[in-house]
Amino acid sequence: MTRDQELDTQVSSPRAARYSLAAMALHWMLALLLTFQLALGWQLHDLERGAAQFAGYQLHKTFGIIILLLSLARLAVRLWHRRPPAFVDSVWAARMAKLVHALLYVVMIGGPITGWIIVSTAKIKFPTLLFGVIPWPHLRVPNAWHEPAEGLHAALAWMFVALLVLHVAGALRHQFVKDENILARMIPAALATRKTALIAAVMATGVLGAGYAVGSALDFLDAPVRPAVTPKPLPAATNATKTDTAREEANAEAEAASKAKEEDNLAKTDVAEPLTDWSIAQGGRLGFVATWNGQPVHGSFGRWTGNVRFSPDDLAHSTIRAEIDLASTDTSDSQRDDMLRGGDFFNVAVHPTAVFSASSMRRLVSNRYRASGSLAMHGASRPLTLDFTLDIKGYVARVSGSTRLNRTSFGVGSGEWAETDEIADAVAVTFAFSAHRK
């Protein structure tokens, strides 16, 4: 007997078998989440790049992972628990039903996985935090998978729309055209009569419609604004126009300088500190914090050297020179580090180092100082001022400080990264090290 003959000779009256409660719960949860996720995904393309879009994608990733886990659980229930026998139908309809069900699993599992690959191979990868709290790892896959995954992810979304229409049409066909109470098999027993099943189906349709409406209407405009969109005024060495706030800061610095002068006068009987060459000890840290879509990306440089000639009592002749190996950048993500070393950012093949030189220093107050100089990086040289704290005890000095710079003024970030709506212009730099008298 052929397969077609077997289908034709099936018993026309199906057994009173129903899906398990686990299968029912997973079925309806996935239906709701998938319609919500579909609407949310389509909305993301219309969001303004920046904090709003970032918040939307984080939520999209969260529900994508939830759908993946629930889909795997649903597949396990399908494989391990007996399910109701198929209704008797024509050969083509039976085969179509099996194909639709199989492809739905492909969409439910393949959609989140392709999205996971997209996130894991993005040029700038940012940690995925489920509901903003639970960290989710990246997949270790080649970067070449990014574009194929994007195309497949979009195709699966449209496939889901088609499959959903076919799945619902098939259920309605059995329920009303063939007069088979198929809806009763996927709802609790208390609602399994033909009349209550119809009511439940109408309610389920309303819930799914509401899920889609919520996904379409979510408002991300109140997402936290990126702090670097309107950066604080940079130091005067950058030639930025002084605002009222800047003048207030200048007045405060003048008062601090006056206090420092008073302290110097009080200590005039002390022996002056000689101008000394200092050797920077190993174990220091030179770090930076960039801002991507309102979130900090922390990094550091593993290799850098410095020549320091300094005396707190002879600032006029004190000098600092630091040379940073840009290829040693480390953001705890090898793919992102390779991107930073590449032509769009540091371009270390052409500009392997950055050099900061300062020959103008002044004391702010107590053990706090300000060094003014220039930073040469990526073929450009710009004024740069940094503040630092210095504590000298005998032959050992401990130094820590910070500064801010604008990456675009050095041409760091070209092409699509030249804009500052995703990667902020301002970058914070911090440093801490110990030094010994030579």
Foldseek 3Di string as FASTA:
>chain_A
DDPQVVLVPDDQDFDPAFADPLLLVLVLVLLLLLLLLLLLVVQLVVDDFFQLSVVSVLASLLSLVVLQVSLVVNVVSPVPPDHTDDHRDHPVLVVVVVVLVVLVSCLSNLLSVLVLQLLQLPLDHDWRANVNHRTDDHDPDDNVCNVVSVVVNVVSSVVVVVSVVVVVVSCVCCVPVVVHQPLLRSDDVVQNDSVSSVVVVVVSVVSSVVSNVCSNPDDSPPGDHAPQPPDDDFDCQQVDDDDPVNVVVVVLLVVLQVQQVVVCVVCVVPDFFDWFKKFFDPDKWKKKWWAFSNHTQIKTAPDKGKIWTDGLRCLQATKIKMKTQLLRIDRPRVSNSVSCCPDQFQVCVVWGIKMWIFNHKDARHDQKIKTWTWIQGLNDIGIWMKIKGWDDDPFKIKIKTKHKDFRVVNSGGDDPGNDCSGIRRIMIIIIITMIGTD
